[in-house]
Amino acid sequence: MWFASNKEVRRMIETQTLLLLIKLLFTGLVSVTIIAFALVIALVVIISKQ
């Protein structure tokens, strides 16, 4: 029967952690981009009313 060695298990955990970190960073980037566009649009609306 085959068992994963400690090094392989550690590598799998590191890969999962890395993928989770990438997903979190990408989600943060998308949300910051959406907020920035919303602020720019609000600023344009406020300036155009003056």
Protein backbone atom coordinates (compact mmCIF):
# COMPACT_ATOMS: atom_id res chain seq x y z
CA MET A 1 0.00 0.00 0.00
CA TRP A 2 1.25 3.50 -0.86
CA PHE A 3 1.47 6.23 1.73
CA ALA A 4 2.43 9.82 1.08
CA SER A 5 5.67 10.86 2.69
CA ASN A 6 5.85 13.87 4.97
CA LYS A 7 7.53 15.91 2.23
CA GLU A 8 4.72 15.15 -0.25
CA VAL A 9 2.03 15.98 2.29
CA ARG A 10 3.81 19.24 3.13
CA ARG A 11 4.04 20.08 -0.58
CA MET A 12 0.31 19.42 -1.07
CA ILE A 13 -0.53 21.65 1.89
CA GLU A 14 1.79 24.38 0.59
CA THR A 15 0.15 24.16 -2.83
CA GLN A 16 -3.33 24.46 -1.33
CA THR A 17 -2.22 27.40 0.80
CA LEU A 18 -0.65 29.10 -2.21
CA LEU A 19 -3.82 28.66 -4.29
CA LEU A 20 -5.93 30.03 -1.44
CA LEU A 21 -3.62 33.03 -1.12
CA ILE A 22 -3.80 33.69 -4.86
CA LYS A 23 -7.61 33.50 -4.77
CA LEU A 24 -7.76 35.91 -1.83
CA LEU A 25 -5.40 38.39 -3.50
CA PHE A 26 -7.36 38.23 -6.76
CA THR A 27 -10.65 38.77 -4.94
CA GLY A 28 -9.13 41.75 -3.12
CA LEU A 29 -7.86 43.20 -6.38
CA VAL A 30 -11.27 42.88 -8.03
CA SER A 31 -13.07 44.44 -5.08
CA VAL A 32 -10.64 47.36 -4.85
CA THR A 33 -11.02 47.94 -8.60
CA ILE A 34 -14.82 47.98 -8.33
CA ILE A 35 -14.68 50.43 -5.41
CA ALA A 36 -12.26 52.68 -7.32
CA PHE A 37 -14.53 52.77 -10.38
CA ALA A 38 -17.55 53.52 -8.19
CA LEU A 39 -15.70 56.41 -6.54
CA VAL A 40 -14.61 57.81 -9.90
CA ILE A 41 -18.18 57.63 -11.22
CA ALA A 42 -19.51 59.31 -8.06
CA LEU A 43 -16.88 62.03 -8.39
CA VAL A 44 -17.81 62.63 -12.02
CA VAL A 45 -21.50 62.88 -11.12
CA ILE A 46 -20.78 65.33 -8.29
CA ILE A 47 -18.51 67.51 -10.45
CA SER A 48 -20.94 67.53 -13.38
CA LYS A 49 -23.77 68.82 -11.17
CA GLN A 50 -21.82 71.93 -10.17
